[in-house]
PDB file of N, CA and C in Angstrom:
ATOM      1  N   MET A   1      17.173 -63.182 -42.573  1.00  0.00           N
ATOM      2  CA  MET A   1      17.294 -61.799 -41.874  1.00  0.00           C
ATOM      3  C   MET A   1      16.005 -61.530 -42.359  1.00  0.00           C
ATOM      4  N   GLY A   2      15.153 -62.036 -41.306  1.00  0.00           N
ATOM      5  CA  GLY A   2      14.237 -61.167 -40.487  1.00  0.00           C
ATOM      6  C   GLY A   2      14.570 -59.843 -39.921  1.00  0.00           C
ATOM      7  N   THR A   3      15.048 -60.261 -39.816  1.00  0.00           N
ATOM      8  CA  THR A   3      15.647 -58.789 -38.258  1.00  0.00           C
ATOM      9  C   THR A   3      16.234 -57.497 -39.273  1.00  0.00           C
ATOM     10  N   PRO A   4      15.474 -56.441 -38.607  1.00  0.00           N
ATOM     11  CA  PRO A   4      16.139 -55.387 -39.538  1.00  0.00           C
ATOM     12  C   PRO A   4      18.135 -54.792 -39.887  1.00  0.00           C
ATOM     13  N   ARG A   5      18.533 -55.602 -38.823  1.00  0.00           N
ATOM     14  CA  ARG A   5      20.096 -55.309 -38.826  1.00  0.00           C
ATOM     15  C   ARG A   5      20.449 -56.114 -39.570  1.00  0.00           C
ATOM     16  N   ALA A   6      19.989 -57.276 -39.863  1.00  0.00           N
ATOM     17  CA  ALA A   6      20.160 -58.540 -40.848  1.00  0.00           C
ATOM     18  C   ALA A   6      19.931 -57.591 -42.294  1.00  0.00           C
ATOM     19  N   ARG A   7      19.288 -57.134 -42.807  1.00  0.00           N
ATOM     20  CA  ARG A   7      18.935 -56.692 -43.976  1.00  0.00           C
ATOM     21  C   ARG A   7      19.842 -55.746 -44.046  1.00  0.00           C
ATOM     22  N   GLU A   8      20.390 -54.524 -42.815  1.00  0.00           N
ATOM     23  CA  GLU A   8      21.347 -53.979 -43.053  1.00  0.00           C
ATOM     24  C   GLU A   8      22.778 -54.467 -43.980  1.00  0.00           C
ATOM     25  N   LEU A   9      22.993 -55.460 -43.066  1.00  0.00           N
ATOM     26  CA  LEU A   9      24.168 -56.143 -43.473  1.00  0.00           C
ATOM     27  C   LEU A   9      24.588 -57.183 -44.689  1.00  0.00           C
ATOM     28  N   HIS A  10      22.681 -56.610 -45.571  1.00  0.00           N
ATOM     29  CA  HIS A  10      23.503 -57.578 -46.378  1.00  0.00           C
ATOM     30  C   HIS A  10      24.043 -57.089 -47.396  1.00  0.00           C
ATOM     31  N   VAL A  11      24.911 -57.671 -48.107  1.00  0.00           N
ATOM     32  CA  VAL A  11      25.318 -57.731 -49.369  1.00  0.00           C
ATOM     33  C   VAL A  11      25.289 -57.576 -50.418  1.00  0.00           C
ATOM     34  N   PRO A  12      25.390 -56.710 -51.266  1.00  0.00           N
ATOM     35  CA  PRO A  12      24.962 -56.947 -52.750  1.00  0.00           C
ATOM     36  C   PRO A  12      26.003 -58.061 -53.527  1.00  0.00           C
ATOM     37  N   ALA A  13      24.769 -57.970 -54.756  1.00  0.00           N
ATOM     38  CA  ALA A  13      25.498 -59.479 -55.620  1.00  0.00           C
ATOM     39  C   ALA A  13      26.702 -58.663 -56.656  1.00  0.00           C
ATOM     40  N   PRO A  14      27.567 -59.180 -56.797  1.00  0.00           N
ATOM     41  CA  PRO A  14      28.595 -58.758 -57.662  1.00  0.00           C
ATOM     42  C   PRO A  14      28.184 -58.097 -58.867  1.00  0.00           C
ATOM     43  N   HIS A  15      28.808 -57.371 -59.612  1.00  0.00           N
ATOM     44  CA  HIS A  15      28.823 -56.887 -60.986  1.00  0.00           C
ATOM     45  C   HIS A  15      28.659 -57.679 -61.628  1.00  0.00           C
ATOM     46  N   PRO A  16      27.790 -58.193 -62.487  1.00  0.00           N
ATOM     47  CA  PRO A  16      27.832 -59.042 -63.216  1.00  0.00           C
ATOM     48  C   PRO A  16      29.449 -58.942 -64.415  1.00  0.00           C
ATOM     49  N   ARG A  17      30.074 -57.511 -64.864  1.00  0.00           N
ATOM     50  CA  ARG A  17      30.988 -58.213 -65.654  1.00  0.00           C
ATOM     51  C   ARG A  17      32.278 -57.758 -64.140  1.00  0.00           C
ATOM     52  N   ALA A  18      32.627 -58.945 -64.031  1.00  0.00           N
ATOM     53  CA  ALA A  18      33.766 -59.438 -63.496  1.00  0.00           C
ATOM     54  C   ALA A  18      35.536 -58.384 -63.893  1.00  0.00           C
ATOM     55  N   PRO A  19      35.960 -58.092 -63.248  1.00  0.00           N
ATOM     56  CA  PRO A  19      37.315 -57.674 -62.831  1.00  0.00           C
ATOM     57  C   PRO A  19      38.051 -57.971 -64.429  1.00  0.00           C
ATOM     58  N   SER A  20      38.667 -58.947 -64.305  1.00  0.00           N
ATOM     59  CA  SER A  20      39.108 -59.561 -65.598  1.00  0.00           C
ATOM     60  C   SER A  20      38.317 -59.230 -66.830  1.00  0.00           C
ATOM     61  N   ASP A  21      37.130 -58.830 -66.702  1.00  0.00           N
ATOM     62  CA  ASP A  21      36.228 -58.474 -68.194  1.00  0.00           C
ATOM     63  C   ASP A  21      36.479 -57.349 -68.250  1.00  0.00           C
ATOM     64  N   ALA A  22      37.102 -56.202 -67.210  1.00  0.00           N
ATOM     65  CA  ALA A  22      37.232 -55.065 -67.378  1.00  0.00           C
ATOM     66  C   ALA A  22      38.275 -54.612 -68.443  1.00  0.00           C
ATOM     67  N   LEU A  23      38.213 -53.744 -69.165  1.00  0.00           N
ATOM     68  CA  LEU A  23      39.518 -52.880 -70.005  1.00  0.00           C
ATOM     69  C   LEU A  23      40.576 -52.190 -69.216  1.00  0.00           C
ATOM     70  N   ASP A  24      41.677 -53.087 -69.642  1.00  0.00           N
ATOM     71  CA  ASP A  24      42.657 -52.231 -69.791  1.00  0.00           C
ATOM     72  C   ASP A  24      42.584 -50.756 -69.845  1.00  0.00           C
ATOM     73  N   LEU A  25      43.949 -50.298 -69.729  1.00  0.00           N
ATOM     74  CA  LEU A  25      44.262 -48.149 -70.523  1.00  0.00           C
ATOM     75  C   LEU A  25      44.915 -49.335 -72.017  1.00  0.00           C
ATOM     76  N   LYS A  26      45.843 -50.260 -72.094  1.00  0.00           N
ATOM     77  CA  LYS A  26      46.023 -50.380 -73.167  1.00  0.00           C
ATOM     78  C   LYS A  26      45.878 -51.326 -74.301  1.00  0.00           C
ATOM     79  N   THR A  27      44.525 -51.505 -73.245  1.00  0.00           N
ATOM     80  CA  THR A  27      43.768 -52.347 -74.801  1.00  0.00           C
ATOM     81  C   THR A  27      42.615 -51.242 -75.490  1.00  0.00           C
ATOM     82  N   LEU A  28      42.708 -50.048 -74.651  1.00  0.00           N
ATOM     83  CA  LEU A  28      41.820 -49.435 -74.994  1.00  0.00           C
ATOM     84  C   LEU A  28      43.100 -47.972 -75.815  1.00  0.00           C
ATOM     85  N   GLU A  29      43.634 -48.188 -75.513  1.00  0.00           N
ATOM     86  CA  GLU A  29      44.679 -47.088 -76.620  1.00  0.00           C
ATOM     87  C   GLU A  29      45.042 -47.947 -77.640  1.00  0.00           C
ATOM     88  N   GLU A  30      45.198 -49.688 -77.577  1.00  0.00           N
ATOM     89  CA  GLU A  30      45.449 -50.306 -78.917  1.00  0.00           C
ATOM     90  C   GLU A  30      43.840 -50.390 -79.723  1.00  0.00           C
ATOM     91  N   ARG A  31      42.952 -49.825 -79.367  1.00  0.00           N
ATOM     92  CA  ARG A  31      41.443 -50.032 -79.781  1.00  0.00           C
ATOM     93  C   ARG A  31      41.937 -48.667 -80.851  1.00  0.00           C
ATOM     94  N   LEU A  32      42.413 -47.245 -79.667  1.00  0.00           N
ATOM     95  CA  LEU A  32      41.608 -46.304 -80.036  1.00  0.00           C
ATOM     96  C   LEU A  32      42.945 -45.935 -81.706  1.00  0.00           C
ATOM     97  N   ARG A  33      43.939 -46.370 -81.699  1.00  0.00           N
ATOM     98  CA  ARG A  33      44.654 -46.392 -82.771  1.00  0.00           C
ATOM     99  C   ARG A  33      44.478 -47.284 -83.836  1.00  0.00           C
ATOM    100  N   GLU A  34      43.618 -48.751 -83.381  1.00  0.00           N
ATOM    101  CA  GLU A  34      43.105 -49.747 -84.534  1.00  0.00           C
ATOM    102  C   GLU A  34      42.107 -48.483 -85.248  1.00  0.00           C
ATOM    103  N   PHE A  35      41.598 -47.871 -84.837  1.00  0.00           N
ATOM    104  CA  PHE A  35      40.331 -47.062 -84.898  1.00  0.00           C
ATOM    105  C   PHE A  35      40.613 -46.016 -85.782  1.00  0.00           C
ATOM    106  N   LYS A  36      41.759 -45.204 -84.940  1.00  0.00           N
ATOM    107  CA  LYS A  36      42.104 -43.964 -86.054  1.00  0.00           C
ATOM    108  C   LYS A  36      42.814 -44.796 -87.418  1.00  0.00           C
ATOM    109  N   ALA A  37      43.769 -45.278 -87.776  1.00  0.00           N
ATOM    110  CA  ALA A  37      43.815 -46.291 -88.525  1.00  0.00           C
ATOM    111  C   ALA A  37      42.839 -46.359 -89.762  1.00  0.00           C
ATOM    112  N   GLU A  38      42.166 -47.314 -88.781  1.00  0.00           N
ATOM    113  CA  GLU A  38      41.006 -47.651 -90.027  1.00  0.00           C
ATOM    114  C   GLU A  38      40.333 -45.951 -90.399  1.00  0.00           C
ATOM    115  N   ASN A  39      40.177 -45.461 -90.171  1.00  0.00           N
ATOM    116  CA  ASN A  39      39.648 -44.062 -90.540  1.00  0.00           C
ATOM    117  C   ASN A  39      40.416 -43.532 -91.310  1.00  0.00           C
ATOM    118  N   GLN A  40      41.784 -43.631 -91.086  1.00  0.00           N
ATOM    119  CA  GLN A  40      42.457 -42.779 -91.965  1.00  0.00           C
ATOM    120  C   GLN A  40      42.607 -43.430 -93.204  1.00  0.00           C
ATOM    121  N   LEU A  41      42.014 -44.339 -93.805  1.00  0.00           N
ATOM    122  CA  LEU A  41      42.597 -45.531 -94.924  1.00  0.00           C
ATOM    123  C   LEU A  41      41.122 -45.392 -95.329  1.00  0.00           C
ATOM    124  N   LEU A  42      40.172 -45.162 -94.912  1.00  0.00           N
ATOM    125  CA  LEU A  42      38.441 -45.018 -95.172  1.00  0.00           C
ATOM    126  C   LEU A  42      39.006 -43.546 -96.136  1.00  0.00           C
ATOM    127  N   GLY A  43      39.220 -42.605 -94.972  1.00  0.00           N
ATOM    128  CA  GLY A  43      38.908 -41.517 -95.638  1.00  0.00           C
ATOM    129  C   GLY A  43      39.796 -41.701 -96.550  1.00  0.00           C
ATOM    130  N   ARG A  44      41.380 -41.926 -96.790  1.00  0.00           N
ATOM    131  CA  ARG A  44      41.870 -42.001 -98.342  1.00  0.00           C
ATOM    132  C   ARG A  44      40.930 -42.894 -99.480  1.00  0.00           C
ATOM    133  N   THR A  45      40.114 -43.661 -99.023  1.00  0.00           N
ATOM    134  CA  THR A  45      40.028 -44.720 -99.844  1.00  0.00           C
ATOM    135  C   THR A  45      38.646 -44.031-100.868  1.00  0.00           C
ATOM    136  N   LEU A  46      38.039 -42.952 -99.861  1.00  0.00           N
ATOM    137  CA  LEU A  46      37.007 -41.804-100.480  1.00  0.00           C
ATOM    138  C   LEU A  46      37.871 -40.996-100.980  1.00  0.00           C
ATOM    139  N   GLN A  47      38.717 -40.216-100.667  1.00  0.00           N
ATOM    140  CA  GLN A  47      39.241 -39.473-101.892  1.00  0.00           C
ATOM    141  C   GLN A  47      40.049 -39.956-103.142  1.00  0.00           C
ATOM    142  N   GLU A  48      40.428 -41.159-103.022  1.00  0.00           N
ATOM    143  CA  GLU A  48      40.094 -42.224-104.773  1.00  0.00           C
ATOM    144  C   GLU A  48      39.481 -42.389-105.054  1.00  0.00           C
ATOM    145  N   VAL A  49      38.077 -42.856-104.666  1.00  0.00           N
ATOM    146  CA  VAL A  49      36.933 -42.834-105.263  1.00  0.00           C
ATOM    147  C   VAL A  49      36.271 -41.291-105.820  1.00  0.00           C
ATOM    148  N   GLN A  50      36.217 -39.944-104.746  1.00  0.00           N
ATOM    149  CA  GLN A  50      35.908 -39.041-105.529  1.00  0.00           C
ATOM    150  C   GLN A  50      37.190 -38.940-106.951  1.00  0.00           C
ATOM    151  N   ALA A  51      38.025 -38.963-106.639  1.00  0.00           N
ATOM    152  CA  ALA A  51      38.582 -38.667-107.491  1.00  0.00           C
ATOM    153  C   ALA A  51      38.476 -39.379-109.115  1.00  0.00           C
ATOM    154  N   LEU A  52      38.651 -40.634-109.301  1.00  0.00           N
ATOM    155  CA  LEU A  52      38.140 -41.829-109.482  1.00  0.00           C
ATOM    156  C   LEU A  52      36.953 -41.154-110.198  1.00  0.00           C
ATOM    157  N   ALA A  53      35.538 -40.993-109.828  1.00  0.00           N
ATOM    158  CA  ALA A  53      34.493 -40.323-110.127  1.00  0.00           C
ATOM    159  C   ALA A  53      34.455 -38.922-110.789  1.00  0.00           C
ATOM    160  N   TYR A  54      36.051 -38.574-110.510  1.00  0.00           N
ATOM    161  CA  TYR A  54      35.858 -36.973-110.837  1.00  0.00           C
ATOM    162  C   TYR A  54      36.451 -37.209-112.628  1.00  0.00           C
ATOM    163  N   GLU A  55      37.651 -38.280-112.281  1.00  0.00           N
ATOM    164  CA  GLU A  55      38.067 -38.405-113.923  1.00  0.00           C
ATOM    165  C   GLU A  55      37.400 -39.396-115.224  1.00  0.00           C
ATOM    166  N   ALA A  56      36.152 -40.114-114.510  1.00  0.00           N
ATOM    167  CA  ALA A  56      35.158 -40.828-114.945  1.00  0.00           C
ATOM    168  C   ALA A  56      34.288 -39.560-116.052  1.00  0.00           C
ATOM    169  N   ARG A  57      34.172 -38.360-115.011  1.00  0.00           N
ATOM    170  CA  ARG A  57      33.000 -36.783-115.489  1.00  0.00           C
ATOM    171  C   ARG A  57      33.693 -36.598-116.583  1.00  0.00           C
ATOM    172  N   LEU A  58      35.931 -36.716-116.786  1.00  0.00           N
ATOM    173  CA  LEU A  58      36.134 -35.539-117.363  1.00  0.00           C
ATOM    174  C   LEU A  58      36.620 -36.305-118.766  1.00  0.00           C
ATOM    175  N   ARG A  59      36.217 -37.745-118.584  1.00  0.00           N
ATOM    176  CA  ARG A  59      35.998 -38.605-119.756  1.00  0.00           C
ATOM    177  C   ARG A  59      35.274 -38.723-120.508  1.00  0.00           C
ATOM    178  N   SER A  60      34.371 -39.255-119.825  1.00  0.00           N
ATOM    179  CA  SER A  60      32.699 -39.184-119.795  1.00  0.00           C
ATOM    180  C   SER A  60      32.469 -37.954-121.228  1.00  0.00           C
ATOM    181  N   CYS A  61      32.990 -36.772-120.286  1.00  0.00           N
ATOM    182  CA  CYS A  61      32.987 -35.433-121.229  1.00  0.00           C
ATOM    183  C   CYS A  61      33.578 -34.764-122.144  1.00  0.00           C
ATOM    184  N   LYS A  62      34.379 -34.997-122.356  1.00  0.00           N
ATOM    185  CA  LYS A  62      35.665 -35.607-123.929  1.00  0.00           C
ATOM    186  C   LYS A  62      34.926 -35.923-124.967  1.00  0.00           C
ATOM    187  N   ASP A  63      35.412 -37.954-124.059  1.00  0.00           N
ATOM    188  CA  ASP A  63      34.245 -38.320-124.828  1.00  0.00           C
ATOM    189  C   ASP A  63      32.857 -38.214-125.647  1.00  0.00           C
ATOM    190  N   LEU A  64      32.118 -37.823-124.399  1.00  0.00           N
ATOM    191  CA  LEU A  64      30.616 -36.951-125.570  1.00  0.00           C
ATOM    192  C   LEU A  64      30.831 -36.247-126.520  1.00  0.00           C
ATOM    193  N   THR A  65      32.301 -34.857-125.548  1.00  0.00           N
ATOM    194  CA  THR A  65      32.374 -33.755-127.327  1.00  0.00           C
ATOM    195  C   THR A  65      32.995 -34.258-128.048  1.00  0.00           C
ATOM    196  N   ARG A  66      33.723 -35.291-128.237  1.00  0.00           N
ATOM    197  CA  ARG A  66      33.734 -35.735-129.333  1.00  0.00           C
ATOM    198  C   ARG A  66      33.125 -36.376-130.323  1.00  0.00           C
ATOM    199  N   MET A  67      31.949 -36.845-130.084  1.00  0.00           N
ATOM    200  CA  MET A  67      31.070 -37.528-130.738  1.00  0.00           C
ATOM    201  C   MET A  67      30.281 -36.563-130.690  1.00  0.00           C
ATOM    202  N   SER A  68      30.320 -35.479-129.819  1.00  0.00           N
ATOM    203  CA  SER A  68      28.938 -34.414-130.720  1.00  0.00           C
ATOM    204  C   SER A  68      30.141 -33.410-132.336  1.00  0.00           C
ATOM    205  N   ASN A  69      31.151 -33.321-131.855  1.00  0.00           N
ATOM    206  CA  ASN A  69      31.889 -32.701-132.985  1.00  0.00           C
ATOM    207  C   ASN A  69      32.021 -33.693-134.506  1.00  0.00           C
ATOM    208  N   LYS A  70      31.620 -34.852-133.889  1.00  0.00           N
ATOM    209  CA  LYS A  70      31.583 -35.424-135.438  1.00  0.00           C
ATOM    210  C   LYS A  70      30.235 -35.313-135.738  1.00  0.00           C
ATOM    211  N   GLN A  71      29.139 -35.863-135.188  1.00  0.00           N
ATOM    212  CA  GLN A  71      28.063 -35.473-135.143  1.00  0.00           C
ATOM    213  C   GLN A  71      27.220 -34.373-135.161  1.00  0.00           C
ATOM    214  N   HIS A  72      27.840 -32.900-134.625  1.00  0.00           N
ATOM    215  CA  HIS A  72      27.420 -31.821-134.920  1.00  0.00           C
ATOM    216  C   HIS A  72      25.869 -31.199-134.375  1.00  0.00           C
ATOM    217  N   ASP A  73      25.505 -32.694-133.798  1.00  0.00           N
ATOM    218  CA  ASP A  73      24.426 -32.168-133.845  1.00  0.00           C
ATOM    219  C   ASP A  73      24.343 -32.182-131.714  1.00  0.00           C
ATOM    220  N   MET A  74      25.014 -32.171-130.871  1.00  0.00           N
ATOM    221  CA  MET A  74      25.006 -31.653-129.856  1.00  0.00           C
ATOM    222  C   MET A  74      26.077 -30.618-129.295  1.00  0.00           C
ATOM    223  N   PRO A  75      25.985 -29.466-129.060  1.00  0.00           N
ATOM    224  CA  PRO A  75      26.424 -28.561-128.763  1.00  0.00           C
ATOM    225  C   PRO A  75      28.077 -29.229-127.245  1.00  0.00           C
ATOM    226  N   PRO A  76      28.848 -28.737-127.427  1.00  0.00           N
ATOM    227  CA  PRO A  76      30.079 -29.056-126.912  1.00  0.00           C
ATOM    228  C   PRO A  76      29.983 -29.021-124.927  1.00  0.00           C
ATOM    229  N   GLN A  77      28.954 -27.802-124.633  1.00  0.00           N
ATOM    230  CA  GLN A  77      28.784 -27.889-123.598  1.00  0.00           C
ATOM    231  C   GLN A  77      27.783 -28.888-122.873  1.00  0.00           C
ATOM    232  N   GLN A  78      26.136 -28.876-123.766  1.00  0.00           N
ATOM    233  CA  GLN A  78      25.627 -29.634-123.825  1.00  0.00           C
ATOM    234  C   GLN A  78      26.073 -31.122-123.245  1.00  0.00           C
ATOM    235  N   ALA A  79      26.984 -31.478-123.924  1.00  0.00           N
ATOM    236  CA  ALA A  79      27.473 -32.836-124.036  1.00  0.00           C
ATOM    237  C   ALA A  79      28.449 -32.954-122.809  1.00  0.00           C
ATOM    238  N   CYS A  80      29.310 -32.268-122.645  1.00  0.00           N
ATOM    239  CA  CYS A  80      29.754 -31.982-120.878  1.00  0.00           C
ATOM    240  C   CYS A  80      28.014 -31.881-119.864  1.00  0.00           C
ATOM    241  N   ALA A  81      27.107 -31.425-119.759  1.00  0.00           N
ATOM    242  CA  ALA A  81      26.437 -31.357-119.157  1.00  0.00           C
ATOM    243  C   ALA A  81      25.888 -32.873-118.975  1.00  0.00           C
ATOM    244  N   LYS A  82      25.896 -33.735-120.266  1.00  0.00           N
ATOM    245  CA  LYS A  82      24.988 -34.825-120.291  1.00  0.00           C
ATOM    246  C   LYS A  82      26.016 -35.637-119.682  1.00  0.00           C
ATOM    247  N   ALA A  83      27.443 -35.259-119.622  1.00  0.00           N
ATOM    248  CA  ALA A  83      28.583 -36.760-119.282  1.00  0.00           C
ATOM    249  C   ALA A  83      28.387 -36.429-118.141  1.00  0.00           C
ATOM    250  N   GLU A  84      28.126 -34.953-117.388  1.00  0.00           N
ATOM    251  CA  GLU A  84      28.142 -34.863-116.147  1.00  0.00           C
ATOM    252  C   GLU A  84      27.333 -35.694-115.385  1.00  0.00           C
ATOM    253  N   GLU A  85      25.842 -35.625-115.807  1.00  0.00           N
ATOM    254  CA  GLU A  85      24.387 -35.710-115.728  1.00  0.00           C
ATOM    255  C   GLU A  85      24.504 -38.021-115.427  1.00  0.00           C
ATOM    256  N   GLN A  86      25.425 -37.792-116.757  1.00  0.00           N
ATOM    257  CA  GLN A  86      25.190 -39.311-116.119  1.00  0.00           C
ATOM    258  C   GLN A  86      26.283 -39.961-115.154  1.00  0.00           C
ATOM    259  N   ALA A  87      27.457 -39.285-115.508  1.00  0.00           N
ATOM    260  CA  ALA A  87      28.626 -39.112-113.855  1.00  0.00           C
ATOM    261  C   ALA A  87      28.231 -39.568-112.765  1.00  0.00           C
ATOM    262  N   LEU A  88      27.242 -38.366-112.824  1.00  0.00           N
ATOM    263  CA  LEU A  88      26.901 -38.086-111.179  1.00  0.00           C
ATOM    264  C   LEU A  88      25.379 -39.500-111.349  1.00  0.00           C
ATOM    265  N   ARG A  89      24.693 -39.783-111.571  1.00  0.00           N
ATOM    266  CA  ARG A  89      23.959 -41.146-111.455  1.00  0.00           C
ATOM    267  C   ARG A  89      24.590 -42.716-111.378  1.00  0.00           C
ATOM    268  N   LEU A  90      25.807 -42.360-111.821  1.00  0.00           N
ATOM    269  CA  LEU A  90      26.628 -43.768-111.721  1.00  0.00           C
ATOM    270  C   LEU A  90      27.126 -43.691-110.371  1.00  0.00           C
ATOM    271  N   ALA A  91      27.676 -42.226-109.710  1.00  0.00           N
ATOM    272  CA  ALA A  91      28.717 -42.402-108.666  1.00  0.00           C
ATOM    273  C   ALA A  91      26.910 -42.689-107.379  1.00  0.00           C
TER     274      ALA A  91
END
């Protein structure tokens, strides 16, 4: 390859990723469907966790309100605020 003409004819090495490794359209569509399904499942799971946290806050608030009514040392609003604070720490 000493001559300029020989250097011009030099063929570059093939790309490291062979065509057989390339993703075809069907594979990409399948991966997209899987991703969307996972994303939907995660969204539902998040909504369920948020609903459970809300229910736990309500339950704690009711429990503390009941305790407050028995002990008469904490007004119901303060009991609910305390319950919500505890629920937020747990979440």
